[in-house]
C-alpha atoms as a PDB file:
ATOM      1  CA  MET A   1     -21.446  20.823  -1.784  1.00  0.00           C
ATOM      2  CA  ALA A   2     -19.875  18.693  -4.510  1.00  0.00           C
ATOM      3  CA  GLN A   3     -16.624  16.899  -3.786  1.00  0.00           C
ATOM      4  CA  THR A   4     -13.530  17.654  -5.793  1.00  0.00           C
ATOM      5  CA  GLN A   5     -11.943  14.878  -7.807  1.00  0.00           C
ATOM      6  CA  ALA A   6      -9.154  14.620  -5.227  1.00  0.00           C
ATOM      7  CA  GLU A   7     -11.661  14.274  -2.388  1.00  0.00           C
ATOM      8  CA  GLN A   8     -13.522  11.561  -4.288  1.00  0.00           C
ATOM      9  CA  ALA A   9     -10.265   9.686  -4.910  1.00  0.00           C
ATOM     10  CA  PHE A  10      -9.340   9.926  -1.232  1.00  0.00           C
ATOM     11  CA  ASP A  11     -12.742   8.592  -0.184  1.00  0.00           C
ATOM     12  CA  GLN A  12     -12.419   5.684  -2.625  1.00  0.00           C
ATOM     13  CA  VAL A  13      -8.986   4.772  -1.276  1.00  0.00           C
ATOM     14  CA  VAL A  14     -10.248   4.886   2.312  1.00  0.00           C
ATOM     15  CA  GLU A  15     -13.201   2.673   1.365  1.00  0.00           C
ATOM     16  CA  TRP A  16     -10.889   0.203  -0.412  1.00  0.00           C
ATOM     17  CA  LEU A  17      -8.546   0.012   2.579  1.00  0.00           C
ATOM     18  CA  GLU A  18     -11.474  -0.567   4.951  1.00  0.00           C
ATOM     19  CA  HIS A  19     -12.218  -3.741   2.998  1.00  0.00           C
ATOM     20  CA  PHE A  20      -8.904  -5.176   4.257  1.00  0.00           C
ATOM     21  CA  GLU A  21      -9.105  -4.042   7.911  1.00  0.00           C
ATOM     22  CA  ASP A  22      -9.887  -7.547   9.141  1.00  0.00           C
ATOM     23  CA  MET A  23      -7.066  -9.182   7.163  1.00  0.00           C
ATOM     24  CA  ASP A  24      -4.614 -10.983   9.422  1.00  0.00           C
ATOM     25  CA  ASP A  25      -1.058  -9.720   9.228  1.00  0.00           C
ATOM     26  CA  PRO A  26       1.185 -12.807   9.580  1.00  0.00           C
ATOM     27  CA  ARG A  27       4.208 -10.805  10.664  1.00  0.00           C
ATOM     28  CA  GLN A  28       5.426 -10.595  14.256  1.00  0.00           C
ATOM     29  CA  PRO A  29       4.140  -7.263  15.612  1.00  0.00           C
ATOM     30  CA  GLY A  30       7.520  -6.142  16.928  1.00  0.00           C
ATOM     31  CA  LYS A  31       9.116  -6.694  13.539  1.00  0.00           C
ATOM     32  CA  VAL A  32       6.634  -4.799  11.373  1.00  0.00           C
ATOM     33  CA  TRP A  33       8.429  -1.930   9.680  1.00  0.00           C
ATOM     34  CA  TYR A  34       5.762  -1.149   7.068  1.00  0.00           C
ATOM     35  CA  PRO A  35       2.074  -1.252   8.082  1.00  0.00           C
ATOM     36  CA  LEU A  36      -0.036  -3.654   6.041  1.00  0.00           C
ATOM     37  CA  ASP A  37      -2.453  -0.954   4.900  1.00  0.00           C
ATOM     38  CA  GLU A  38       0.446   1.082   3.509  1.00  0.00           C
ATOM     39  CA  VAL A  39       1.833  -1.909   1.627  1.00  0.00           C
ATOM     40  CA  LEU A  40      -1.577  -2.731   0.163  1.00  0.00           C
ATOM     41  CA  LEU A  41      -2.095   0.882  -0.889  1.00  0.00           C
ATOM     42  CA  LEU A  42       1.350   1.013  -2.495  1.00  0.00           C
ATOM     43  CA  CYS A  43       0.633  -2.145  -4.473  1.00  0.00           C
ATOM     44  CA  LEU A  44      -2.806  -0.987  -5.610  1.00  0.00           C
ATOM     45  CA  VAL A  45      -1.644   2.397  -6.835  1.00  0.00           C
ATOM     46  CA  ALA A  46       1.514   1.014  -8.456  1.00  0.00           C
ATOM     47  CA  VAL A  47      -0.386  -1.717 -10.329  1.00  0.00           C
ATOM     48  CA  LEU A  48      -2.993   0.810 -11.476  1.00  0.00           C
ATOM     49  CA  ALA A  49      -0.087   2.887 -12.778  1.00  0.00           C
ATOM     50  CA  GLY A  50       1.234  -0.086 -14.760  1.00  0.00           C
ATOM     51  CA  ALA A  51       3.687  -1.848 -12.432  1.00  0.00           C
ATOM     52  CA  GLU A  52       3.923  -5.571 -13.194  1.00  0.00           C
ATOM     53  CA  SER A  53       6.467  -6.889 -10.698  1.00  0.00           C
ATOM     54  CA  TRP A  54       7.667  -6.417  -7.142  1.00  0.00           C
ATOM     55  CA  VAL A  55      10.674  -4.518  -8.500  1.00  0.00           C
ATOM     56  CA  GLU A  56       8.438  -2.099 -10.399  1.00  0.00           C
ATOM     57  CA  ILE A  57       6.150  -1.651  -7.389  1.00  0.00           C
ATOM     58  CA  ALA A  58       9.149  -0.900  -5.147  1.00  0.00           C
ATOM     59  CA  GLU A  59      10.518   1.614  -7.675  1.00  0.00           C
ATOM     60  CA  PHE A  60       7.114   3.267  -7.937  1.00  0.00           C
ATOM     61  CA  GLY A  61       7.047   3.591  -4.148  1.00  0.00           C
ATOM     62  CA  LYS A  62      10.428   5.297  -4.070  1.00  0.00           C
ATOM     63  CA  LYS A  63       9.431   7.764  -6.771  1.00  0.00           C
ATOM     64  CA  LYS A  64       5.889   8.473  -5.586  1.00  0.00           C
ATOM     65  CA  THR A  65       6.206   8.556  -1.802  1.00  0.00           C
ATOM     66  CA  ASP A  66       4.790  12.093  -1.671  1.00  0.00           C
ATOM     67  CA  LEU A  67       1.692  10.953  -3.561  1.00  0.00           C
ATOM     68  CA  LEU A  68       1.234   7.956  -1.269  1.00  0.00           C
ATOM     69  CA  ARG A  69       1.569  10.184   1.804  1.00  0.00           C
ATOM     70  CA  ARG A  70      -1.629  11.951   0.804  1.00  0.00           C
ATOM     71  CA  PHE A  71      -3.437   8.812   1.992  1.00  0.00           C
ATOM     72  CA  ARG A  72      -1.233   7.242   4.698  1.00  0.00           C
ATOM     73  CA  PRO A  73       1.881   8.382   6.646  1.00  0.00           C
ATOM     74  CA  PHE A  74       4.516   6.107   5.050  1.00  0.00           C
ATOM     75  CA  ALA A  75       6.713   7.291   7.931  1.00  0.00           C
ATOM     76  CA  LYS A  76       9.449   4.799   7.074  1.00  0.00           C
ATOM     77  CA  GLY A  77       9.160   5.103   3.321  1.00  0.00           C
ATOM     78  CA  THR A  78       8.229   2.110   1.191  1.00  0.00           C
ATOM     79  CA  PRO A  79       9.421  -1.506   1.231  1.00  0.00           C
ATOM     80  CA  SER A  80      11.947  -3.064  -1.131  1.00  0.00           C
ATOM     81  CA  HIS A  81      10.929  -5.613  -3.733  1.00  0.00           C
ATOM     82  CA  ASP A  82      12.218  -8.426  -1.491  1.00  0.00           C
ATOM     83  CA  GLN A  83      10.127  -7.227   1.439  1.00  0.00           C
ATOM     84  CA  LEU A  84       7.036  -7.011  -0.781  1.00  0.00           C
ATOM     85  CA  GLY A  85       7.536 -10.531  -2.092  1.00  0.00           C
ATOM     86  CA  ASP A  86       8.113 -11.941   1.394  1.00  0.00           C
ATOM     87  CA  LEU A  87       5.000 -10.276   2.807  1.00  0.00           C
ATOM     88  CA  PHE A  88       2.705 -11.392   0.001  1.00  0.00           C
ATOM     89  CA  ALA A  89       4.086 -14.920   0.183  1.00  0.00           C
ATOM     90  CA  ALA A  90       3.084 -15.006   3.861  1.00  0.00           C
ATOM     91  CA  LEU A  91      -0.448 -13.655   3.400  1.00  0.00           C
ATOM     92  CA  ASP A  92      -3.382 -16.022   3.302  1.00  0.00           C
ATOM     93  CA  ALA A  93      -4.609 -15.929  -0.301  1.00  0.00           C
ATOM     94  CA  GLU A  94      -8.195 -16.475   0.764  1.00  0.00           C
END
């Protein structure tokens, strides 16, 4: 049976996130409020939608939380622009 467009999109997002499963999260485990996979998904979707800064990515997250929750829980919502900048500054670029 052929997949719907939504099912194909979901599968592509899952495949993309699997690429980053082995990425080290530099944050202290007890202080992680937003899971790394959720932050990466937020950034991907926001940039694809035209966001060009941490502020725009954070705003996108606030406005499109329901969309993002189709793929991951986002139980605590989405991070602020400061939190996004801090996390990406701490990630190993390689």
